[in-house]
């Protein structure tokens, strides 16, 4: 077991995936709001599904370190 607490930097591809999924999710949320506002509920559901899929691909990583 290593006691080295130096954080390892993320690879550039990991940063790109995180930014891509975040931007896609943001665009999807804006698209859903706009489409719902103009009465296109079916299109809003489709765009929301695409946004949810994009966000699930990016995922979220949480690291918990417990000291004893």
PDB file of N, CA and C in Angstrom:
ATOM      1  N   UNK A   1       0.847  -1.168   0.000  1.00  0.00           N
ATOM      2  CA  UNK A   1       0.000   0.000   0.000  1.00  0.00           C
ATOM      3  C   UNK A   1       0.897   1.236   0.000  1.00  0.00           C
ATOM      4  N   UNK A   2       0.653   2.119  -0.923  1.00  0.00           N
ATOM      5  CA  UNK A   2       1.461   3.317  -1.053  1.00  0.00           C
ATOM      6  C   UNK A   2       0.898   4.441  -0.179  1.00  0.00           C
ATOM      7  N   UNK A   3       1.787   5.171   0.445  1.00  0.00           N
ATOM      8  CA  UNK A   3       1.377   6.325   1.249  1.00  0.00           C
ATOM      9  C   UNK A   3       1.594   7.633   0.502  1.00  0.00           C
ATOM     10  N   UNK A   4       1.958   7.533  -0.762  1.00  0.00           N
ATOM     11  CA  UNK A   4       2.187   8.721  -1.588  1.00  0.00           C
ATOM     12  C   UNK A   4       0.848   9.382  -1.886  1.00  0.00           C
ATOM     13  N   UNK A   5       0.673  10.609  -1.423  1.00  0.00           N
ATOM     14  CA  UNK A   5      -0.588  11.320  -1.613  1.00  0.00           C
ATOM     15  C   UNK A   5      -0.516  12.314  -2.758  1.00  0.00           C
ATOM     16  N   UNK A   6       0.538  12.239  -3.563  1.00  0.00           N
ATOM     17  CA  UNK A   6       0.667  13.145  -4.691  1.00  0.00           C
ATOM     18  C   UNK A   6      -0.408  12.806  -5.724  1.00  0.00           C
ATOM     19  N   UNK A   7      -1.253  13.776  -6.086  1.00  0.00           N
ATOM     20  CA  UNK A   7      -2.299  13.470  -7.056  1.00  0.00           C
ATOM     21  C   UNK A   7      -1.696  13.193  -8.433  1.00  0.00           C
ATOM     22  N   UNK A   8      -2.251  12.214  -9.091  1.00  0.00           N
ATOM     23  CA  UNK A   8      -1.791  11.921 -10.439  1.00  0.00           C
ATOM     24  C   UNK A   8      -2.603  12.756 -11.417  1.00  0.00           C
ATOM     25  N   UNK A   9      -1.933  13.435 -12.334  1.00  0.00           N
ATOM     26  CA  UNK A   9      -2.676  14.277 -13.280  1.00  0.00           C
ATOM     27  C   UNK A   9      -3.489  13.420 -14.257  1.00  0.00           C
ATOM     28  N   UNK A  10      -4.627  13.967 -14.668  1.00  0.00           N
ATOM     29  CA  UNK A  10      -5.454  13.263 -15.641  1.00  0.00           C
ATOM     30  C   UNK A  10      -4.821  13.342 -17.022  1.00  0.00           C
ATOM     31  N   UNK A  11      -5.048  12.325 -17.808  1.00  0.00           N
ATOM     32  CA  UNK A  11      -4.573  12.344 -19.170  1.00  0.00           C
ATOM     33  C   UNK A  11      -5.400  13.339 -19.977  1.00  0.00           C
ATOM     34  N   UNK A  12      -4.811  13.899 -21.048  1.00  0.00           N
ATOM     35  CA  UNK A  12      -5.567  14.866 -21.864  1.00  0.00           C
ATOM     36  C   UNK A  12      -6.877  14.300 -22.409  1.00  0.00           C
ATOM     37  N   UNK A  13      -6.911  13.011 -22.725  1.00  0.00           N
ATOM     38  CA  UNK A  13      -8.146  12.418 -23.237  1.00  0.00           C
ATOM     39  C   UNK A  13      -9.239  12.427 -22.182  1.00  0.00           C
ATOM     40  N   UNK A  14      -8.873  12.274 -20.922  1.00  0.00           N
ATOM     41  CA  UNK A  14      -9.867  12.304 -19.849  1.00  0.00           C
ATOM     42  C   UNK A  14     -10.462  13.697 -19.717  1.00  0.00           C
ATOM     43  N   UNK A  15      -9.630  14.719 -19.848  1.00  0.00           N
ATOM     44  CA  UNK A  15     -10.134  16.096 -19.809  1.00  0.00           C
ATOM     45  C   UNK A  15     -11.065  16.365 -20.983  1.00  0.00           C
ATOM     46  N   UNK A  16     -10.694  15.881 -22.156  1.00  0.00           N
ATOM     47  CA  UNK A  16     -11.513  16.089 -23.347  1.00  0.00           C
ATOM     48  C   UNK A  16     -12.872  15.420 -23.187  1.00  0.00           C
ATOM     49  N   UNK A  17     -12.906  14.214 -22.652  1.00  0.00           N
ATOM     50  CA  UNK A  17     -14.172  13.515 -22.446  1.00  0.00           C
ATOM     51  C   UNK A  17     -15.043  14.264 -21.448  1.00  0.00           C
ATOM     52  N   UNK A  18     -14.444  14.758 -20.387  1.00  0.00           N
ATOM     53  CA  UNK A  18     -15.215  15.488 -19.376  1.00  0.00           C
ATOM     54  C   UNK A  18     -15.804  16.768 -19.964  1.00  0.00           C
ATOM     55  N   UNK A  19     -14.999  17.524 -20.702  1.00  0.00           N
ATOM     56  CA  UNK A  19     -15.490  18.766 -21.309  1.00  0.00           C
ATOM     57  C   UNK A  19     -16.548  18.489 -22.364  1.00  0.00           C
ATOM     58  N   UNK A  20     -16.341  17.459 -23.166  1.00  0.00           N
ATOM     59  CA  UNK A  20     -17.308  17.137 -24.213  1.00  0.00           C
ATOM     60  C   UNK A  20     -18.653  16.752 -23.612  1.00  0.00           C
ATOM     61  N   UNK A  21     -18.645  15.922 -22.598  1.00  0.00           N
ATOM     62  CA  UNK A  21     -19.916  15.515 -21.984  1.00  0.00           C
ATOM     63  C   UNK A  21     -20.581  16.681 -21.259  1.00  0.00           C
ATOM     64  N   UNK A  22     -19.793  17.538 -20.637  1.00  0.00           N
ATOM     65  CA  UNK A  22     -20.375  18.697 -19.942  1.00  0.00           C
ATOM     66  C   UNK A  22     -21.022  19.668 -20.922  1.00  0.00           C
ATOM     67  N   UNK A  23     -20.339  19.949 -22.025  1.00  0.00           N
ATOM     68  CA  UNK A  23     -20.880  20.881 -23.020  1.00  0.00           C
ATOM     69  C   UNK A  23     -22.112  20.279 -23.694  1.00  0.00           C
ATOM     70  N   UNK A  24     -22.060  18.994 -24.001  1.00  0.00           N
ATOM     71  CA  UNK A  24     -23.217  18.333 -24.613  1.00  0.00           C
ATOM     72  C   UNK A  24     -24.416  18.358 -23.669  1.00  0.00           C
ATOM     73  N   UNK A  25     -24.175  18.111 -22.397  1.00  0.00           N
ATOM     74  CA  UNK A  25     -25.255  18.174 -21.418  1.00  0.00           C
ATOM     75  C   UNK A  25     -25.851  19.563 -21.288  1.00  0.00           C
ATOM     76  N   UNK A  26     -24.997  20.573 -21.290  1.00  0.00           N
ATOM     77  CA  UNK A  26     -25.476  21.955 -21.197  1.00  0.00           C
ATOM     78  C   UNK A  26     -26.307  22.329 -22.417  1.00  0.00           C
ATOM     79  N   UNK A  27     -25.828  21.964 -23.597  1.00  0.00           N
ATOM     80  CA  UNK A  27     -26.570  22.256 -24.825  1.00  0.00           C
ATOM     81  C   UNK A  27     -27.915  21.523 -24.814  1.00  0.00           C
ATOM     82  N   UNK A  28     -27.926  20.290 -24.315  1.00  0.00           N
ATOM     83  CA  UNK A  28     -29.174  19.532 -24.252  1.00  0.00           C
ATOM     84  C   UNK A  28     -30.176  20.180 -23.302  1.00  0.00           C
ATOM     85  N   UNK A  29     -29.703  20.659 -22.157  1.00  0.00           N
ATOM     86  CA  UNK A  29     -30.604  21.317 -21.201  1.00  0.00           C
ATOM     87  C   UNK A  29     -31.207  22.578 -21.815  1.00  0.00           C
ATOM     88  N   UNK A  30     -30.375  23.376 -22.472  1.00  0.00           N
ATOM     89  CA  UNK A  30     -30.871  24.594 -23.129  1.00  0.00           C
ATOM     90  C   UNK A  30     -31.864  24.220 -24.230  1.00  0.00           C
ATOM     91  N   UNK A  31     -31.532  23.179 -24.992  1.00  0.00           N
ATOM     92  CA  UNK A  31     -32.441  22.741 -26.055  1.00  0.00           C
ATOM     93  C   UNK A  31     -33.780  22.273 -25.527  1.00  0.00           C
ATOM     94  N   UNK A  32     -33.770  21.538 -24.428  1.00  0.00           N
ATOM     95  CA  UNK A  32     -35.019  21.061 -23.824  1.00  0.00           C
ATOM     96  C   UNK A  32     -35.870  22.238 -23.368  1.00  0.00           C
ATOM     97  N   UNK A  33     -35.248  23.216 -22.733  1.00  0.00           N
ATOM     98  CA  UNK A  33     -35.999  24.382 -22.244  1.00  0.00           C
ATOM     99  C   UNK A  33     -36.609  25.152 -23.407  1.00  0.00           C
ATOM    100  N   UNK A  34     -35.824  25.374 -24.456  1.00  0.00           N
ATOM    101  CA  UNK A  34     -36.322  26.128 -25.616  1.00  0.00           C
ATOM    102  C   UNK A  34     -37.451  25.362 -26.299  1.00  0.00           C
ATOM    103  N   UNK A  35     -37.244  24.076 -26.536  1.00  0.00           N
ATOM    104  CA  UNK A  35     -38.275  23.289 -27.213  1.00  0.00           C
ATOM    105  C   UNK A  35     -39.550  23.190 -26.382  1.00  0.00           C
ATOM    106  N   UNK A  36     -39.410  23.054 -25.067  1.00  0.00           N
ATOM    107  CA  UNK A  36     -40.593  23.001 -24.210  1.00  0.00           C
ATOM    108  C   UNK A  36     -41.320  24.342 -24.205  1.00  0.00           C
ATOM    109  N   UNK A  37     -40.562  25.427 -24.266  1.00  0.00           N
ATOM    110  CA  UNK A  37     -41.169  26.757 -24.247  1.00  0.00           C
ATOM    111  C   UNK A  37     -41.977  27.033 -25.515  1.00  0.00           C
ATOM    112  N   UNK A  38     -41.562  26.451 -26.632  1.00  0.00           N
ATOM    113  CA  UNK A  38     -42.298  26.699 -27.877  1.00  0.00           C
ATOM    114  C   UNK A  38     -43.319  25.599 -28.175  1.00  0.00           C
ATOM    115  N   UNK A  39     -43.512  24.679 -27.230  1.00  0.00           N
ATOM    116  CA  UNK A  39     -44.564  23.690 -27.361  1.00  0.00           C
ATOM    117  C   UNK A  39     -44.178  22.421 -28.092  1.00  0.00           C
ATOM    118  N   UNK A  40     -42.924  22.147 -28.260  1.00  0.00           N
ATOM    119  CA  UNK A  40     -42.466  20.933 -28.936  1.00  0.00           C
ATOM    120  C   UNK A  40     -42.052  19.891 -27.902  1.00  0.00           C
ATOM    121  N   UNK A  41     -43.010  19.339 -27.201  1.00  0.00           N
ATOM    122  CA  UNK A  41     -42.688  18.441 -26.094  1.00  0.00           C
ATOM    123  C   UNK A  41     -42.038  17.140 -26.563  1.00  0.00           C
ATOM    124  N   UNK A  42     -42.450  16.601 -27.706  1.00  0.00           N
ATOM    125  CA  UNK A  42     -41.848  15.358 -28.195  1.00  0.00           C
ATOM    126  C   UNK A  42     -40.376  15.557 -28.522  1.00  0.00           C
ATOM    127  N   UNK A  43     -40.066  16.671 -29.159  1.00  0.00           N
ATOM    128  CA  UNK A  43     -38.665  16.969 -29.480  1.00  0.00           C
ATOM    129  C   UNK A  43     -37.862  17.231 -28.215  1.00  0.00           C
ATOM    130  N   UNK A  44     -38.477  17.860 -27.218  1.00  0.00           N
ATOM    131  CA  UNK A  44     -37.792  18.128 -25.955  1.00  0.00           C
ATOM    132  C   UNK A  44     -37.430  16.828 -25.249  1.00  0.00           C
ATOM    133  N   UNK A  45     -38.319  15.834 -25.312  1.00  0.00           N
ATOM    134  CA  UNK A  45     -38.031  14.539 -24.699  1.00  0.00           C
ATOM    135  C   UNK A  45     -36.863  13.866 -25.409  1.00  0.00           C
ATOM    136  N   UNK A  46     -36.851  13.940 -26.737  1.00  0.00           N
ATOM    137  CA  UNK A  46     -35.756  13.322 -27.500  1.00  0.00           C
ATOM    138  C   UNK A  46     -34.422  13.983 -27.192  1.00  0.00           C
ATOM    139  N   UNK A  47     -34.407  15.296 -27.149  1.00  0.00           N
ATOM    140  CA  UNK A  47     -33.165  16.016 -26.847  1.00  0.00           C
ATOM    141  C   UNK A  47     -32.723  15.724 -25.415  1.00  0.00           C
ATOM    142  N   UNK A  48     -33.663  15.627 -24.498  1.00  0.00           N
ATOM    143  CA  UNK A  48     -33.332  15.290 -23.121  1.00  0.00           C
ATOM    144  C   UNK A  48     -32.721  13.899 -23.005  1.00  0.00           C
ATOM    145  N   UNK A  49     -33.217  12.960 -23.802  1.00  0.00           N
ATOM    146  CA  UNK A  49     -32.652  11.606 -23.783  1.00  0.00           C
ATOM    147  C   UNK A  49     -31.221  11.602 -24.303  1.00  0.00           C
ATOM    148  N   UNK A  50     -30.969  12.371 -25.352  1.00  0.00           N
ATOM    149  CA  UNK A  50     -29.605  12.471 -25.882  1.00  0.00           C
ATOM    150  C   UNK A  50     -28.685  13.108 -24.841  1.00  0.00           C
ATOM    151  N   UNK A  51     -29.153  14.155 -24.173  1.00  0.00           N
ATOM    152  CA  UNK A  51     -28.352  14.805 -23.140  1.00  0.00           C
ATOM    153  C   UNK A  51     -28.064  13.881 -21.970  1.00  0.00           C
ATOM    154  N   UNK A  52     -29.062  13.100 -21.552  1.00  0.00           N
ATOM    155  CA  UNK A  52     -28.852  12.154 -20.449  1.00  0.00           C
ATOM    156  C   UNK A  52     -27.841  11.085 -20.835  1.00  0.00           C
ATOM    157  N   UNK A  53     -27.908  10.625 -22.083  1.00  0.00           N
ATOM    158  CA  UNK A  53     -26.947   9.625 -22.548  1.00  0.00           C
ATOM    159  C   UNK A  53     -25.537  10.199 -22.574  1.00  0.00           C
ATOM    160  N   UNK A  54     -25.407  11.439 -23.016  1.00  0.00           N
ATOM    161  CA  UNK A  54     -24.086  12.073 -23.073  1.00  0.00           C
ATOM    162  C   UNK A  54     -23.511  12.256 -21.671  1.00  0.00           C
ATOM    163  N   UNK A  55     -24.346  12.633 -20.733  1.00  0.00           N
ATOM    164  CA  UNK A  55     -23.866  12.825 -19.364  1.00  0.00           C
ATOM    165  C   UNK A  55     -23.502  11.500 -18.705  1.00  0.00           C
ATOM    166  N   UNK A  56     -24.209  10.440 -19.044  1.00  0.00           N
ATOM    167  CA  UNK A  56     -23.891   9.155 -18.431  1.00  0.00           C
ATOM    168  C   UNK A  56     -22.586   8.584 -18.971  1.00  0.00           C
ATOM    169  N   UNK A  57     -22.226   8.928 -20.193  1.00  0.00           N
ATOM    170  CA  UNK A  57     -20.955   8.466 -20.750  1.00  0.00           C
ATOM    171  C   UNK A  57     -19.791   9.137 -20.044  1.00  0.00           C
ATOM    172  N   UNK A  58     -19.919  10.440 -19.788  1.00  0.00           N
ATOM    173  CA  UNK A  58     -18.844  11.175 -19.122  1.00  0.00           C
ATOM    174  C   UNK A  58     -18.657  10.715 -17.695  1.00  0.00           C
ATOM    175  N   UNK A  59     -19.746  10.485 -17.026  1.00  0.00           N
ATOM    176  CA  UNK A  59     -19.687   9.985 -15.667  1.00  0.00           C
ATOM    177  C   UNK A  59     -19.116  10.984 -14.678  1.00  0.00           C
ATOM    178  N   UNK A  60     -18.965  10.522 -13.473  1.00  0.00           N
ATOM    179  CA  UNK A  60     -18.441  11.333 -12.383  1.00  0.00           C
ATOM    180  C   UNK A  60     -17.554  10.437 -11.545  1.00  0.00           C
ATOM    181  N   UNK A  61     -16.373  10.922 -11.255  1.00  0.00           N
ATOM    182  CA  UNK A  61     -15.437  10.132 -10.456  1.00  0.00           C
ATOM    183  C   UNK A  61     -15.239  10.818  -9.119  1.00  0.00           C
ATOM    184  N   UNK A  62     -15.497  10.083  -8.055  1.00  0.00           N
ATOM    185  CA  UNK A  62     -15.298  10.598  -6.705  1.00  0.00           C
ATOM    186  C   UNK A  62     -14.308   9.678  -6.012  1.00  0.00           C
ATOM    187  N   UNK A  63     -13.256  10.272  -5.463  1.00  0.00           N
ATOM    188  CA  UNK A  63     -12.250   9.491  -4.744  1.00  0.00           C
ATOM    189  C   UNK A  63     -12.353   9.842  -3.259  1.00  0.00           C
ATOM    190  N   UNK A  64     -12.492   8.823  -2.453  1.00  0.00           N
ATOM    191  CA  UNK A  64     -12.596   9.021  -1.011  1.00  0.00           C
ATOM    192  C   UNK A  64     -11.384   8.347  -0.358  1.00  0.00           C
ATOM    193  N   UNK A  65     -10.664   9.112   0.449  1.00  0.00           N
ATOM    194  CA  UNK A  65      -9.530   8.556   1.173  1.00  0.00           C
ATOM    195  C   UNK A  65      -9.863   8.595   2.653  1.00  0.00           C
ATOM    196  N   UNK A  66      -9.799   7.437   3.280  1.00  0.00           N
ATOM    197  CA  UNK A  66     -10.132   7.320   4.698  1.00  0.00           C
ATOM    198  C   UNK A  66      -8.853   7.114   5.493  1.00  0.00           C
ATOM    199  N   UNK A  67      -8.643   7.989   6.461  1.00  0.00           N
ATOM    200  CA  UNK A  67      -7.473   7.842   7.338  1.00  0.00           C
ATOM    201  C   UNK A  67      -7.890   7.139   8.610  1.00  0.00           C
ATOM    202  N   UNK A  68      -6.997   6.283   9.075  1.00  0.00           N
ATOM    203  CA  UNK A  68      -7.283   5.593  10.338  1.00  0.00           C
ATOM    204  C   UNK A  68      -6.142   5.810  11.274  1.00  0.00           C
TER     205      UNK A  68
END
